[in-house]
Amino acid sequence: MFALPGDKPPVTMTPAAAQQIARLMAREGAAGFRIGVKKGGCAGMEYTMEVAQEAGPMDIVVEDGAARVLIAPMAQMFMIGTEIDYESGLLESGFKFRNPNVVESCGCGESIKFKDADS
């Protein structure tokens, strides 16, 4: 597994996120929960999330108990330092990413813009 200096994983999960990811994995009989990024949305990039049947050869694997997050190769440099949370509310529930690399997000919260590589 890839780790930052001090043996710190590139992403962390809150207990709520780890519990929800483990629940999704068990329901689908999956090997993990893959997180990626793609171009799109008002701010330029969007997170992608999917239940994965197997880890890809270039995925970074982060485990927390029964939860396993697979970070897709294109997303790896954007996800370092991110905390993944899961919030439940009356009107909506979902995963939240607290990512120190994000400098802007759109009003709807669906897309983000990352720091430029040279800043």
N, C-alpha and C. Protein backbone atom coordinates (compact mmCIF):
# COMPACT_ATOMS: atom_id res chain seq x y z
N MET A 1 0.83 -1.18 0.00
CA MET A 1 0.00 0.00 0.00
C MET A 1 0.87 1.24 0.00
N PHE A 2 0.50 2.22 -0.77
CA PHE A 2 1.15 3.51 -0.81
C PHE A 2 0.86 4.24 0.50
N ALA A 3 1.83 4.92 1.04
CA ALA A 3 1.61 5.70 2.26
C ALA A 3 2.47 6.96 2.20
N LEU A 4 2.04 7.94 2.92
CA LEU A 4 2.79 9.18 3.05
C LEU A 4 3.87 8.99 4.10
N PRO A 5 4.84 9.91 4.18
CA PRO A 5 5.86 9.78 5.22
C PRO A 5 5.21 9.62 6.59
N GLY A 6 5.80 8.80 7.41
CA GLY A 6 5.23 8.51 8.72
C GLY A 6 4.20 7.40 8.66
N ASP A 7 4.16 6.68 7.55
CA ASP A 7 3.26 5.54 7.36
C ASP A 7 1.78 5.93 7.42
N LYS A 8 1.48 7.16 7.00
CA LYS A 8 0.11 7.66 6.99
C LYS A 8 -0.54 7.32 5.65
N PRO A 9 -1.76 6.75 5.65
CA PRO A 9 -2.41 6.43 4.37
C PRO A 9 -2.78 7.72 3.61
N PRO A 10 -2.90 7.65 2.29
CA PRO A 10 -3.20 8.85 1.49
C PRO A 10 -4.60 9.40 1.75
N VAL A 11 -5.55 8.56 2.17
CA VAL A 11 -6.89 9.00 2.56
C VAL A 11 -7.25 8.33 3.88
N THR A 12 -8.14 8.97 4.62
CA THR A 12 -8.67 8.38 5.84
C THR A 12 -10.19 8.34 5.75
N MET A 13 -10.79 7.48 6.56
CA MET A 13 -12.25 7.35 6.60
C MET A 13 -12.72 7.60 8.02
N THR A 14 -13.81 8.33 8.15
CA THR A 14 -14.44 8.45 9.46
C THR A 14 -15.11 7.11 9.77
N PRO A 15 -15.45 6.85 11.03
CA PRO A 15 -16.17 5.61 11.34
C PRO A 15 -17.47 5.46 10.54
N ALA A 16 -18.19 6.56 10.33
CA ALA A 16 -19.44 6.50 9.55
C ALA A 16 -19.17 6.09 8.11
N ALA A 17 -18.12 6.64 7.51
CA ALA A 17 -17.77 6.29 6.12
C ALA A 17 -17.32 4.84 6.04
N ALA A 18 -16.47 4.41 6.96
CA ALA A 18 -15.99 3.02 6.94
C ALA A 18 -17.16 2.05 7.09
N GLN A 19 -18.10 2.37 7.96
CA GLN A 19 -19.26 1.50 8.16
C GLN A 19 -20.11 1.43 6.89
N GLN A 20 -20.35 2.57 6.24
CA GLN A 20 -21.17 2.58 5.02
C GLN A 20 -20.46 1.87 3.87
N ILE A 21 -19.16 2.06 3.73
CA ILE A 21 -18.40 1.38 2.68
C ILE A 21 -18.43 -0.13 2.90
N ALA A 22 -18.20 -0.55 4.15
CA ALA A 22 -18.25 -1.99 4.47
C ALA A 22 -19.64 -2.56 4.16
N ARG A 23 -20.67 -1.80 4.48
CA ARG A 23 -22.05 -2.24 4.21
C ARG A 23 -22.28 -2.41 2.70
N LEU A 24 -21.82 -1.45 1.91
CA LEU A 24 -21.97 -1.53 0.45
C LEU A 24 -21.18 -2.71 -0.12
N MET A 25 -19.97 -2.91 0.38
CA MET A 25 -19.15 -4.02 -0.09
C MET A 25 -19.82 -5.36 0.21
N ALA A 26 -20.36 -5.51 1.42
CA ALA A 26 -21.01 -6.77 1.81
C ALA A 26 -22.26 -7.01 0.97
N ARG A 27 -23.03 -5.97 0.76
CA ARG A 27 -24.26 -6.11 -0.02
C ARG A 27 -23.99 -6.55 -1.45
N GLU A 28 -22.91 -6.02 -2.03
CA GLU A 28 -22.57 -6.30 -3.43
C GLU A 28 -21.56 -7.44 -3.59
N GLY A 29 -21.04 -7.96 -2.48
CA GLY A 29 -20.00 -8.99 -2.57
C GLY A 29 -18.76 -8.45 -3.27
N ALA A 30 -18.42 -7.21 -2.96
CA ALA A 30 -17.37 -6.49 -3.67
C ALA A 30 -16.03 -6.54 -2.94
N ALA A 31 -14.97 -6.27 -3.70
CA ALA A 31 -13.62 -6.23 -3.15
C ALA A 31 -13.28 -4.86 -2.58
N GLY A 32 -14.04 -3.83 -2.96
CA GLY A 32 -13.74 -2.49 -2.48
C GLY A 32 -14.66 -1.45 -3.07
N PHE A 33 -14.41 -0.23 -2.68
CA PHE A 33 -15.16 0.94 -3.12
C PHE A 33 -14.17 1.85 -3.84
N ARG A 34 -14.26 1.94 -5.18
CA ARG A 34 -13.28 2.69 -5.96
C ARG A 34 -13.68 4.16 -6.06
N ILE A 35 -12.69 5.02 -5.79
CA ILE A 35 -12.86 6.46 -5.89
C ILE A 35 -11.95 6.98 -6.98
N GLY A 36 -12.50 7.84 -7.82
CA GLY A 36 -11.73 8.44 -8.90
C GLY A 36 -12.14 9.88 -9.11
N VAL A 37 -11.59 10.50 -10.11
CA VAL A 37 -11.99 11.84 -10.54
C VAL A 37 -12.11 11.84 -12.05
N LYS A 38 -12.97 12.72 -12.55
CA LYS A 38 -13.12 12.89 -13.99
C LYS A 38 -13.41 14.34 -14.27
N LYS A 39 -13.16 14.76 -15.49
CA LYS A 39 -13.48 16.12 -15.89
C LYS A 39 -14.99 16.26 -16.00
N GLY A 40 -15.50 17.40 -15.51
CA GLY A 40 -16.92 17.64 -15.60
C GLY A 40 -17.39 18.60 -14.54
N GLY A 41 -18.65 19.00 -14.65
CA GLY A 41 -19.27 19.91 -13.68
C GLY A 41 -18.83 21.34 -13.88
N CYS A 42 -19.44 22.22 -13.10
CA CYS A 42 -19.18 23.67 -13.24
C CYS A 42 -17.76 24.06 -12.84
N ALA A 43 -17.19 23.38 -11.86
CA ALA A 43 -15.87 23.75 -11.36
C ALA A 43 -14.74 23.01 -12.07
N GLY A 44 -15.05 22.02 -12.89
CA GLY A 44 -14.02 21.38 -13.70
C GLY A 44 -13.76 19.90 -13.46
N MET A 45 -13.96 19.41 -12.23
CA MET A 45 -13.70 18.00 -11.92
C MET A 45 -14.83 17.49 -11.03
N GLU A 46 -15.05 16.18 -11.10
CA GLU A 46 -16.04 15.52 -10.26
C GLU A 46 -15.44 14.24 -9.69
N TYR A 47 -15.85 13.90 -8.47
CA TYR A 47 -15.47 12.61 -7.92
C TYR A 47 -16.32 11.53 -8.58
N THR A 48 -15.74 10.35 -8.75
CA THR A 48 -16.51 9.18 -9.17
C THR A 48 -16.40 8.15 -8.07
N MET A 49 -17.46 7.39 -7.88
CA MET A 49 -17.49 6.37 -6.84
C MET A 49 -18.22 5.16 -7.39
N GLU A 50 -17.64 3.97 -7.16
CA GLU A 50 -18.30 2.75 -7.61
C GLU A 50 -17.85 1.58 -6.75
N VAL A 51 -18.74 0.63 -6.60
CA VAL A 51 -18.39 -0.62 -5.94
C VAL A 51 -17.57 -1.42 -6.95
N ALA A 52 -16.43 -1.94 -6.54
CA ALA A 52 -15.52 -2.64 -7.45
C ALA A 52 -15.40 -4.11 -7.08
N GLN A 53 -15.43 -4.96 -8.07
CA GLN A 53 -15.33 -6.40 -7.85
C GLN A 53 -13.89 -6.86 -7.62
N GLU A 54 -12.94 -6.04 -8.06
CA GLU A 54 -11.54 -6.36 -7.81
C GLU A 54 -10.71 -5.09 -7.87
N ALA A 55 -9.58 -5.11 -7.21
CA ALA A 55 -8.66 -3.98 -7.25
C ALA A 55 -7.89 -4.02 -8.56
N GLY A 56 -7.72 -2.86 -9.17
CA GLY A 56 -6.91 -2.76 -10.37
C GLY A 56 -5.44 -2.83 -10.02
N PRO A 57 -4.59 -3.16 -10.98
CA PRO A 57 -3.16 -3.32 -10.68
C PRO A 57 -2.48 -2.02 -10.23
N MET A 58 -3.05 -0.87 -10.58
CA MET A 58 -2.44 0.41 -10.21
C MET A 58 -3.23 1.14 -9.12
N ASP A 59 -4.30 0.53 -8.61
CA ASP A 59 -5.09 1.15 -7.54
C ASP A 59 -4.27 1.20 -6.25
N ILE A 60 -4.46 2.27 -5.49
CA ILE A 60 -3.94 2.33 -4.13
C ILE A 60 -5.05 1.79 -3.24
N VAL A 61 -4.73 0.89 -2.34
CA VAL A 61 -5.71 0.26 -1.47
C VAL A 61 -5.52 0.79 -0.05
N VAL A 62 -6.63 1.32 0.52
CA VAL A 62 -6.62 1.79 1.90
C VAL A 62 -7.71 1.02 2.64
N GLU A 63 -7.33 0.39 3.74
CA GLU A 63 -8.29 -0.41 4.50
C GLU A 63 -8.50 0.17 5.89
N ASP A 64 -9.74 0.06 6.35
CA ASP A 64 -10.11 0.48 7.70
C ASP A 64 -11.14 -0.53 8.18
N GLY A 65 -10.72 -1.51 8.96
CA GLY A 65 -11.60 -2.59 9.37
C GLY A 65 -12.05 -3.37 8.14
N ALA A 66 -13.35 -3.54 7.97
CA ALA A 66 -13.90 -4.27 6.83
C ALA A 66 -14.05 -3.39 5.59
N ALA A 67 -13.78 -2.09 5.72
CA ALA A 67 -13.92 -1.16 4.59
C ALA A 67 -12.62 -1.11 3.79
N ARG A 68 -12.75 -1.12 2.48
CA ARG A 68 -11.59 -1.04 1.60
C ARG A 68 -11.88 -0.01 0.51
N VAL A 69 -11.05 1.03 0.45
CA VAL A 69 -11.15 2.06 -0.59
C VAL A 69 -10.05 1.81 -1.60
N LEU A 70 -10.41 1.83 -2.86
CA LEU A 70 -9.46 1.69 -3.97
C LEU A 70 -9.37 3.05 -4.65
N ILE A 71 -8.19 3.61 -4.70
CA ILE A 71 -8.03 4.93 -5.33
C ILE A 71 -7.50 4.71 -6.73
N ALA A 72 -8.31 5.11 -7.70
CA ALA A 72 -7.95 4.94 -9.11
C ALA A 72 -6.69 5.74 -9.43
N PRO A 73 -5.88 5.25 -10.38
CA PRO A 73 -4.60 5.90 -10.69
C PRO A 73 -4.71 7.39 -11.00
N MET A 74 -5.70 7.81 -11.79
CA MET A 74 -5.80 9.22 -12.17
C MET A 74 -6.14 10.12 -10.97
N ALA A 75 -6.74 9.55 -9.94
CA ALA A 75 -7.16 10.33 -8.78
C ALA A 75 -6.10 10.43 -7.69
N GLN A 76 -5.09 9.60 -7.73
CA GLN A 76 -4.17 9.46 -6.60
C GLN A 76 -3.53 10.77 -6.17
N MET A 77 -3.04 11.57 -7.11
CA MET A 77 -2.36 12.80 -6.71
C MET A 77 -3.33 13.85 -6.18
N PHE A 78 -4.62 13.73 -6.51
CA PHE A 78 -5.62 14.69 -6.05
C PHE A 78 -6.19 14.33 -4.69
N MET A 79 -6.06 13.08 -4.27
CA MET A 79 -6.72 12.59 -3.06
C MET A 79 -5.86 12.61 -1.81
N ILE A 80 -4.58 12.88 -1.92
CA ILE A 80 -3.68 12.85 -0.75
C ILE A 80 -4.17 13.81 0.32
N GLY A 81 -4.35 13.28 1.52
CA GLY A 81 -4.78 14.09 2.66
C GLY A 81 -6.29 14.18 2.83
N THR A 82 -7.06 13.49 1.99
CA THR A 82 -8.52 13.57 2.03
C THR A 82 -9.11 12.72 3.14
N GLU A 83 -10.10 13.27 3.83
CA GLU A 83 -10.90 12.51 4.78
C GLU A 83 -12.24 12.22 4.12
N ILE A 84 -12.63 10.95 4.11
CA ILE A 84 -13.92 10.54 3.55
C ILE A 84 -14.89 10.37 4.71
N ASP A 85 -16.05 11.02 4.61
CA ASP A 85 -17.07 10.93 5.65
C ASP A 85 -18.37 10.48 5.00
N TYR A 86 -19.30 10.04 5.81
CA TYR A 86 -20.66 9.72 5.34
C TYR A 86 -21.61 10.42 6.28
N GLU A 87 -22.48 11.26 5.71
CA GLU A 87 -23.43 12.02 6.51
C GLU A 87 -24.84 11.63 6.13
N SER A 88 -25.68 11.45 7.16
CA SER A 88 -27.09 11.14 6.95
C SER A 88 -27.92 12.31 7.46
N GLY A 89 -28.88 12.71 6.63
CA GLY A 89 -29.76 13.80 7.03
C GLY A 89 -31.19 13.51 6.63
N LEU A 90 -32.08 14.40 6.98
CA LEU A 90 -33.49 14.22 6.64
C LEU A 90 -33.73 14.27 5.14
N LEU A 91 -33.04 15.15 4.45
CA LEU A 91 -33.28 15.34 3.02
C LEU A 91 -32.31 14.60 2.12
N GLU A 92 -31.09 14.37 2.60
CA GLU A 92 -30.13 13.66 1.78
C GLU A 92 -29.07 12.99 2.64
N SER A 93 -28.50 11.95 2.09
CA SER A 93 -27.40 11.24 2.73
C SER A 93 -26.35 10.96 1.67
N GLY A 94 -25.10 10.96 2.06
CA GLY A 94 -24.07 10.66 1.09
C GLY A 94 -22.67 10.85 1.62
N PHE A 95 -21.72 10.47 0.77
CA PHE A 95 -20.32 10.62 1.10
C PHE A 95 -19.89 12.06 0.93
N LYS A 96 -19.05 12.52 1.83
CA LYS A 96 -18.47 13.87 1.78
C LYS A 96 -16.96 13.72 1.79
N PHE A 97 -16.30 14.51 0.99
CA PHE A 97 -14.84 14.48 0.90
C PHE A 97 -14.31 15.78 1.46
N ARG A 98 -13.49 15.68 2.48
CA ARG A 98 -12.80 16.86 3.02
C ARG A 98 -11.38 16.79 2.48
N ASN A 99 -11.19 17.50 1.37
CA ASN A 99 -9.97 17.37 0.59
C ASN A 99 -9.19 18.68 0.64
N PRO A 100 -7.98 18.68 1.23
CA PRO A 100 -7.19 19.91 1.32
C PRO A 100 -6.68 20.40 -0.03
N ASN A 101 -6.80 19.59 -1.08
CA ASN A 101 -6.32 19.97 -2.40
C ASN A 101 -7.37 20.73 -3.22
N VAL A 102 -8.59 20.84 -2.71
CA VAL A 102 -9.67 21.53 -3.41
C VAL A 102 -9.60 23.01 -3.09
N VAL A 103 -9.61 23.84 -4.14
CA VAL A 103 -9.58 25.29 -3.94
C VAL A 103 -10.91 25.94 -4.25
N GLU A 104 -11.82 25.21 -4.90
CA GLU A 104 -13.10 25.78 -5.28
C GLU A 104 -14.10 24.66 -5.52
N SER A 105 -15.36 24.90 -5.20
CA SER A 105 -16.41 23.95 -5.54
C SER A 105 -17.61 24.74 -6.04
N CYS A 106 -18.44 24.08 -6.82
CA CYS A 106 -19.60 24.76 -7.38
C CYS A 106 -20.69 24.87 -6.32
N GLY A 107 -21.69 25.64 -6.59
CA GLY A 107 -22.77 25.87 -5.64
C GLY A 107 -23.54 24.62 -5.28
N CYS A 108 -23.70 23.71 -6.23
CA CYS A 108 -24.46 22.48 -5.94
C CYS A 108 -23.61 21.46 -5.19
N GLY A 109 -22.31 21.69 -5.09
CA GLY A 109 -21.44 20.78 -4.35
C GLY A 109 -21.04 19.52 -5.10
N GLU A 110 -21.36 19.43 -6.36
CA GLU A 110 -21.08 18.22 -7.13
C GLU A 110 -19.74 18.26 -7.85
N SER A 111 -19.17 19.44 -8.07
CA SER A 111 -17.89 19.48 -8.76
C SER A 111 -16.90 20.36 -8.01
N ILE A 112 -15.62 20.13 -8.30
CA ILE A 112 -14.55 20.78 -7.57
C ILE A 112 -13.43 21.20 -8.52
N LYS A 113 -12.60 22.08 -8.00
CA LYS A 113 -11.39 22.48 -8.73
C LYS A 113 -10.23 22.26 -7.77
N PHE A 114 -9.17 21.64 -8.29
CA PHE A 114 -7.99 21.34 -7.48
C PHE A 114 -6.93 22.43 -7.66
N LYS A 115 -6.02 22.51 -6.68
CA LYS A 115 -4.87 23.39 -6.79
C LYS A 115 -4.09 23.03 -8.04
N ASP A 116 -3.54 24.05 -8.70
CA ASP A 116 -2.67 23.78 -9.84
C ASP A 116 -1.40 23.11 -9.33
N ALA A 117 -0.84 22.25 -10.16
CA ALA A 117 0.34 21.48 -9.78
C ALA A 117 1.52 22.38 -9.42
N ASP A 118 1.59 23.57 -10.03
CA ASP A 118 2.74 24.44 -9.78
C ASP A 118 2.45 25.49 -8.71
N SER A 119 1.28 25.45 -8.02
CA SER A 119 1.02 26.44 -6.98
C SER A 119 1.39 25.93 -5.62
